[in-house]
Amino acid sequence: MSRNLTYVFWILIWINAVCNTAGGCPQSGVSAPAVVLEATNTKHGIGGHENKLLVVRLTDDGKVEWDEPVGLHVSERQTSSVSAEVVSNIVRTLKAVDQSLFRGRLGPYYVYIDSSDELQVRVAAGPRDLTFLVINPWPSVFVRKPMPPDVKTLVCEIDKLHAQVTNTAVDQMCKVTDTPRERSDQ
């Protein structure tokens, strides 16, 4: 019995030596793609109704995920990808905005009737990760206070990426050419 254990031990040592010198063994320490931008929208309604959906999650390899509603309180996670150029343009835009503005709760910017939206945003493109909320970011009939340009730029980057991967229309407030990404695309 001990002879068999010795034999197995020497085989494992040999395999380890081959893996370390040849680099031919599978790597278990391969890092996962890093999240660049993530946004989740929580809609609050009458009677404590709450619906939370992933708007976009962009990773540095171009993978984009989002939740697609398929019924009442039911969604399915969808996946697509964008080019390295699109990722680079988004990162450039995220780095160009004044990130000191993005703290805690921003807004509300619009007044909604019987509901509210919380857009929780995580930006990992810059000197540090930022996580914050944008309250009622989507336009309605009533404006509560003007949205600062850099906040609008960020909200519109999220909206445009979502529209691109879902083949839906970009929100009207984001159709004006005033963000660095739009200027670089022209």
C-alpha atoms as a PDB file:
ATOM      1  CA  MET A   1       0.000   0.000   0.000  1.00  0.00           C
ATOM      2  CA  SER A   2       2.739   2.479   0.854  1.00  0.00           C
ATOM      3  CA  ARG A   3       4.541   1.576  -2.375  1.00  0.00           C
ATOM      4  CA  ASN A   4       1.444   2.692  -4.355  1.00  0.00           C
ATOM      5  CA  LEU A   5       1.239   5.967  -2.408  1.00  0.00           C
ATOM      6  CA  THR A   6       4.908   6.658  -3.117  1.00  0.00           C
ATOM      7  CA  TYR A   7       4.311   5.981  -6.804  1.00  0.00           C
ATOM      8  CA  VAL A   8       1.297   8.372  -6.897  1.00  0.00           C
ATOM      9  CA  PHE A   9       3.272  10.996  -4.967  1.00  0.00           C
ATOM     10  CA  TRP A  10       6.140  10.920  -7.528  1.00  0.00           C
ATOM     11  CA  ILE A  11       3.676  11.138 -10.433  1.00  0.00           C
ATOM     12  CA  LEU A  12       2.085  14.235  -8.877  1.00  0.00           C
ATOM     13  CA  ILE A  13       5.499  15.824  -8.366  1.00  0.00           C
ATOM     14  CA  TRP A  14       6.385  15.099 -12.015  1.00  0.00           C
ATOM     15  CA  ILE A  15       3.074  16.587 -13.272  1.00  0.00           C
ATOM     16  CA  ASN A  16       3.616  19.689 -11.134  1.00  0.00           C
ATOM     17  CA  ALA A  17       7.143  20.116 -12.499  1.00  0.00           C
ATOM     18  CA  VAL A  18       5.960  19.793 -16.112  1.00  0.00           C
ATOM     19  CA  CYS A  19       3.142  22.285 -15.531  1.00  0.00           C
ATOM     20  CA  ASN A  20       5.410  24.849 -13.907  1.00  0.00           C
ATOM     21  CA  THR A  21       8.149  24.681 -16.545  1.00  0.00           C
ATOM     22  CA  ALA A  22       6.092  24.202 -19.703  1.00  0.00           C
ATOM     23  CA  GLY A  23       3.110  26.353 -18.790  1.00  0.00           C
ATOM     24  CA  GLY A  24       0.933  23.656 -20.306  1.00  0.00           C
ATOM     25  CA  CYS A  25      -1.463  23.056 -17.421  1.00  0.00           C
ATOM     26  CA  PRO A  26      -4.849  24.772 -17.165  1.00  0.00           C
ATOM     27  CA  GLN A  27      -4.793  27.969 -15.175  1.00  0.00           C
ATOM     28  CA  SER A  28      -7.358  28.160 -12.418  1.00  0.00           C
ATOM     29  CA  GLY A  29      -6.364  31.735 -11.523  1.00  0.00           C
ATOM     30  CA  VAL A  30      -7.573  33.344 -14.771  1.00  0.00           C
ATOM     31  CA  SER A  31      -9.302  36.561 -13.787  1.00  0.00           C
ATOM     32  CA  ALA A  32     -12.875  37.278 -14.791  1.00  0.00           C
ATOM     33  CA  PRO A  33     -13.603  40.331 -16.925  1.00  0.00           C
ATOM     34  CA  ALA A  34     -13.901  43.523 -14.883  1.00  0.00           C
ATOM     35  CA  VAL A  35     -17.180  45.424 -14.676  1.00  0.00           C
ATOM     36  CA  VAL A  36     -16.844  48.883 -16.267  1.00  0.00           C
ATOM     37  CA  LEU A  37     -20.406  50.142 -15.840  1.00  0.00           C
ATOM     38  CA  GLU A  38     -23.453  48.692 -14.121  1.00  0.00           C
ATOM     39  CA  ALA A  39     -26.907  50.197 -13.679  1.00  0.00           C
ATOM     40  CA  THR A  40     -29.972  48.747 -11.978  1.00  0.00           C
ATOM     41  CA  ASN A  41     -33.339  50.508 -12.029  1.00  0.00           C
ATOM     42  CA  THR A  42     -35.786  50.053  -9.157  1.00  0.00           C
ATOM     43  CA  LYS A  43     -39.303  51.294  -9.857  1.00  0.00           C
ATOM     44  CA  HIS A  44     -41.376  52.016  -6.759  1.00  0.00           C
ATOM     45  CA  GLY A  45     -45.142  52.127  -7.111  1.00  0.00           C
ATOM     46  CA  ILE A  46     -48.344  52.385  -5.133  1.00  0.00           C
ATOM     47  CA  GLY A  47     -48.820  49.970  -2.250  1.00  0.00           C
ATOM     48  CA  GLY A  48     -45.153  49.174  -1.838  1.00  0.00           C
ATOM     49  CA  HIS A  49     -44.871  47.700  -5.334  1.00  0.00           C
ATOM     50  CA  GLU A  50     -41.204  47.429  -6.320  1.00  0.00           C
ATOM     51  CA  ASN A  51     -39.673  46.137  -9.529  1.00  0.00           C
ATOM     52  CA  LYS A  52     -35.895  45.887  -9.887  1.00  0.00           C
ATOM     53  CA  LEU A  53     -34.218  45.296 -13.260  1.00  0.00           C
ATOM     54  CA  LEU A  54     -30.630  45.265 -14.415  1.00  0.00           C
ATOM     55  CA  VAL A  55     -30.480  47.986 -17.092  1.00  0.00           C
ATOM     56  CA  VAL A  56     -26.913  47.210 -18.218  1.00  0.00           C
ATOM     57  CA  ARG A  57     -23.741  45.580 -16.958  1.00  0.00           C
ATOM     58  CA  LEU A  58     -20.761  46.208 -19.236  1.00  0.00           C
ATOM     59  CA  THR A  59     -17.476  44.373 -18.722  1.00  0.00           C
ATOM     60  CA  ASP A  60     -14.102  45.315 -20.154  1.00  0.00           C
ATOM     61  CA  ASP A  61     -14.260  42.434 -22.658  1.00  0.00           C
ATOM     62  CA  GLY A  62     -17.394  43.956 -24.261  1.00  0.00           C
ATOM     63  CA  LYS A  63     -19.973  41.634 -22.690  1.00  0.00           C
ATOM     64  CA  VAL A  64     -23.268  43.370 -21.886  1.00  0.00           C
ATOM     65  CA  GLU A  65     -25.996  41.910 -19.691  1.00  0.00           C
ATOM     66  CA  TRP A  66     -29.486  43.236 -18.937  1.00  0.00           C
ATOM     67  CA  ASP A  67     -32.850  42.008 -17.653  1.00  0.00           C
ATOM     68  CA  GLU A  68     -35.685  41.683 -20.139  1.00  0.00           C
ATOM     69  CA  PRO A  69     -39.168  41.795 -18.562  1.00  0.00           C
ATOM     70  CA  VAL A  70     -41.249  38.771 -19.606  1.00  0.00           C
ATOM     71  CA  GLY A  71     -44.182  39.166 -17.208  1.00  0.00           C
ATOM     72  CA  LEU A  72     -45.306  40.825 -14.026  1.00  0.00           C
ATOM     73  CA  HIS A  73     -42.282  40.809 -11.683  1.00  0.00           C
ATOM     74  CA  VAL A  74     -40.553  38.276 -13.959  1.00  0.00           C
ATOM     75  CA  SER A  75     -37.499  38.937 -16.110  1.00  0.00           C
ATOM     76  CA  GLU A  76     -34.877  36.969 -17.978  1.00  0.00           C
ATOM     77  CA  ARG A  77     -31.177  37.845 -18.059  1.00  0.00           C
ATOM     78  CA  GLN A  78     -30.010  38.610 -21.595  1.00  0.00           C
ATOM     79  CA  THR A  79     -26.462  38.782 -22.913  1.00  0.00           C
ATOM     80  CA  SER A  80     -24.883  40.464 -25.907  1.00  0.00           C
ATOM     81  CA  SER A  81     -21.579  42.089 -26.734  1.00  0.00           C
ATOM     82  CA  VAL A  82     -20.186  45.315 -28.100  1.00  0.00           C
ATOM     83  CA  SER A  83     -16.898  46.035 -29.809  1.00  0.00           C
ATOM     84  CA  ALA A  84     -13.701  47.027 -28.049  1.00  0.00           C
ATOM     85  CA  GLU A  85     -14.102  50.459 -29.676  1.00  0.00           C
ATOM     86  CA  VAL A  86     -17.520  50.968 -28.041  1.00  0.00           C
ATOM     87  CA  VAL A  87     -16.105  49.911 -24.652  1.00  0.00           C
ATOM     88  CA  SER A  88     -13.185  52.313 -25.136  1.00  0.00           C
ATOM     89  CA  ASN A  89     -15.519  55.199 -26.051  1.00  0.00           C
ATOM     90  CA  ILE A  90     -17.711  54.557 -23.009  1.00  0.00           C
ATOM     91  CA  VAL A  91     -14.680  54.377 -20.696  1.00  0.00           C
ATOM     92  CA  ARG A  92     -13.366  57.629 -22.195  1.00  0.00           C
ATOM     93  CA  THR A  93     -16.728  59.317 -21.590  1.00  0.00           C
ATOM     94  CA  LEU A  94     -16.931  58.012 -18.020  1.00  0.00           C
ATOM     95  CA  LYS A  95     -13.447  59.311 -17.292  1.00  0.00           C
ATOM     96  CA  ALA A  96     -14.256  62.713 -18.835  1.00  0.00           C
ATOM     97  CA  VAL A  97     -17.136  63.534 -16.474  1.00  0.00           C
ATOM     98  CA  ASP A  98     -16.579  65.167 -13.089  1.00  0.00           C
ATOM     99  CA  GLN A  99     -16.723  62.076 -10.906  1.00  0.00           C
ATOM    100  CA  SER A 100     -16.769  64.154  -7.720  1.00  0.00           C
ATOM    101  CA  LEU A 101     -20.469  64.838  -8.461  1.00  0.00           C
ATOM    102  CA  PHE A 102     -21.403  61.183  -8.128  1.00  0.00           C
ATOM    103  CA  ARG A 103     -22.034  60.564  -4.431  1.00  0.00           C
ATOM    104  CA  GLY A 104     -24.943  59.205  -2.453  1.00  0.00           C
ATOM    105  CA  ARG A 105     -28.315  60.237  -3.877  1.00  0.00           C
ATOM    106  CA  LEU A 106     -28.659  62.574  -6.861  1.00  0.00           C
ATOM    107  CA  GLY A 107     -32.008  64.119  -7.708  1.00  0.00           C
ATOM    108  CA  PRO A 108     -34.904  63.715  -7.944  1.00  0.00           C
ATOM    109  CA  TYR A 109     -34.784  65.467 -11.293  1.00  0.00           C
ATOM    110  CA  TYR A 110     -38.371  64.825 -12.416  1.00  0.00           C
ATOM    111  CA  VAL A 111     -41.683  64.477 -10.592  1.00  0.00           C
ATOM    112  CA  TYR A 112     -43.520  61.229 -11.259  1.00  0.00           C
ATOM    113  CA  ILE A 113     -47.136  60.578 -10.282  1.00  0.00           C
ATOM    114  CA  ASP A 114     -47.682  57.506  -8.078  1.00  0.00           C
ATOM    115  CA  SER A 115     -44.192  56.104  -8.722  1.00  0.00           C
ATOM    116  CA  SER A 116     -40.491  56.803  -8.544  1.00  0.00           C
ATOM    117  CA  ASP A 117     -37.328  55.389 -10.081  1.00  0.00           C
ATOM    118  CA  GLU A 118     -33.967  54.780  -8.457  1.00  0.00           C
ATOM    119  CA  LEU A 119     -31.155  54.189 -10.900  1.00  0.00           C
ATOM    120  CA  GLN A 120     -28.326  52.600  -8.929  1.00  0.00           C
ATOM    121  CA  VAL A 121     -25.102  53.127 -10.833  1.00  0.00           C
ATOM    122  CA  ARG A 122     -21.677  51.591 -10.375  1.00  0.00           C
ATOM    123  CA  VAL A 123     -18.820  53.085 -12.389  1.00  0.00           C
ATOM    124  CA  ALA A 124     -15.480  51.286 -12.340  1.00  0.00           C
ATOM    125  CA  ALA A 125     -13.745  53.390 -14.998  1.00  0.00           C
ATOM    126  CA  GLY A 126     -11.549  55.871 -13.243  1.00  0.00           C
ATOM    127  CA  PRO A 127      -9.352  56.261 -10.216  1.00  0.00           C
ATOM    128  CA  ARG A 128     -11.873  54.546  -7.918  1.00  0.00           C
ATOM    129  CA  ASP A 129     -15.153  52.658  -8.047  1.00  0.00           C
ATOM    130  CA  LEU A 130     -18.216  54.859  -7.638  1.00  0.00           C
ATOM    131  CA  THR A 131     -21.653  53.705  -6.502  1.00  0.00           C
ATOM    132  CA  PHE A 132     -24.563  56.128  -6.249  1.00  0.00           C
ATOM    133  CA  LEU A 133     -28.285  56.580  -6.902  1.00  0.00           C
ATOM    134  CA  VAL A 134     -29.940  58.843  -9.456  1.00  0.00           C
ATOM    135  CA  ILE A 135     -33.544  59.486  -8.403  1.00  0.00           C
ATOM    136  CA  ASN A 136     -36.176  59.941 -11.133  1.00  0.00           C
ATOM    137  CA  PRO A 137     -33.680  60.348 -13.980  1.00  0.00           C
ATOM    138  CA  TRP A 138     -36.103  59.717 -16.852  1.00  0.00           C
ATOM    139  CA  PRO A 139     -38.026  62.738 -18.188  1.00  0.00           C
ATOM    140  CA  SER A 140     -41.669  63.298 -17.305  1.00  0.00           C
ATOM    141  CA  VAL A 141     -44.059  66.225 -17.653  1.00  0.00           C
ATOM    142  CA  PHE A 142     -42.808  67.898 -14.482  1.00  0.00           C
ATOM    143  CA  VAL A 143     -39.194  68.946 -14.015  1.00  0.00           C
ATOM    144  CA  ARG A 144     -38.195  69.203 -10.367  1.00  0.00           C
ATOM    145  CA  LYS A 145     -34.665  70.522 -10.935  1.00  0.00           C
ATOM    146  CA  PRO A 146     -32.299  70.564 -13.886  1.00  0.00           C
ATOM    147  CA  MET A 147     -30.029  67.582 -14.262  1.00  0.00           C
ATOM    148  CA  PRO A 148     -26.343  68.613 -14.231  1.00  0.00           C
ATOM    149  CA  PRO A 149     -24.666  67.996 -17.627  1.00  0.00           C
ATOM    150  CA  ASP A 150     -22.250  65.340 -16.302  1.00  0.00           C
ATOM    151  CA  VAL A 151     -25.089  63.423 -14.633  1.00  0.00           C
ATOM    152  CA  LYS A 152     -27.058  63.594 -17.879  1.00  0.00           C
ATOM    153  CA  THR A 153     -24.008  62.354 -19.787  1.00  0.00           C
ATOM    154  CA  LEU A 154     -23.737  59.329 -17.518  1.00  0.00           C
ATOM    155  CA  VAL A 155     -27.473  58.551 -17.587  1.00  0.00           C
ATOM    156  CA  CYS A 156     -27.437  58.864 -21.374  1.00  0.00           C
ATOM    157  CA  GLU A 157     -24.432  56.527 -21.715  1.00  0.00           C
ATOM    158  CA  ILE A 158     -26.450  53.940 -19.813  1.00  0.00           C
ATOM    159  CA  ASP A 159     -29.552  54.577 -21.936  1.00  0.00           C
ATOM    160  CA  LYS A 160     -27.659  54.471 -25.246  1.00  0.00           C
ATOM    161  CA  LEU A 161     -25.862  51.236 -24.377  1.00  0.00           C
ATOM    162  CA  HIS A 162     -29.161  49.660 -23.320  1.00  0.00           C
ATOM    163  CA  ALA A 163     -30.840  50.856 -26.525  1.00  0.00           C
ATOM    164  CA  GLN A 164     -27.954  49.510 -28.623  1.00  0.00           C
ATOM    165  CA  VAL A 165     -28.056  45.963 -27.226  1.00  0.00           C
ATOM    166  CA  THR A 166     -31.862  45.742 -26.997  1.00  0.00           C
ATOM    167  CA  ASN A 167     -32.572  47.384 -30.374  1.00  0.00           C
ATOM    168  CA  THR A 168     -34.876  49.952 -28.757  1.00  0.00           C
ATOM    169  CA  ALA A 169     -35.084  53.722 -29.083  1.00  0.00           C
ATOM    170  CA  VAL A 170     -32.813  56.041 -27.139  1.00  0.00           C
ATOM    171  CA  ASP A 171     -34.660  58.304 -24.694  1.00  0.00           C
ATOM    172  CA  GLN A 172     -35.469  61.698 -26.237  1.00  0.00           C
ATOM    173  CA  MET A 173     -33.311  63.577 -23.699  1.00  0.00           C
ATOM    174  CA  CYS A 174     -30.289  61.595 -24.914  1.00  0.00           C
ATOM    175  CA  LYS A 175     -30.759  62.347 -28.617  1.00  0.00           C
ATOM    176  CA  VAL A 176     -29.095  65.758 -28.382  1.00  0.00           C
ATOM    177  CA  THR A 177     -25.457  65.620 -29.460  1.00  0.00           C
ATOM    178  CA  ASP A 178     -23.785  66.876 -26.335  1.00  0.00           C
ATOM    179  CA  THR A 179     -21.802  63.986 -24.844  1.00  0.00           C
ATOM    180  CA  PRO A 180     -18.137  63.207 -25.578  1.00  0.00           C
ATOM    181  CA  ARG A 181     -19.059  59.769 -26.972  1.00  0.00           C
ATOM    182  CA  GLU A 182     -21.497  61.276 -29.477  1.00  0.00           C
ATOM    183  CA  ARG A 183     -18.975  63.872 -30.586  1.00  0.00           C
ATOM    184  CA  SER A 184     -16.321  61.188 -31.116  1.00  0.00           C
ATOM    185  CA  ASP A 185     -18.761  59.009 -33.120  1.00  0.00           C
ATOM    186  CA  GLN A 186     -19.386  61.777 -35.667  1.00  0.00           C
END
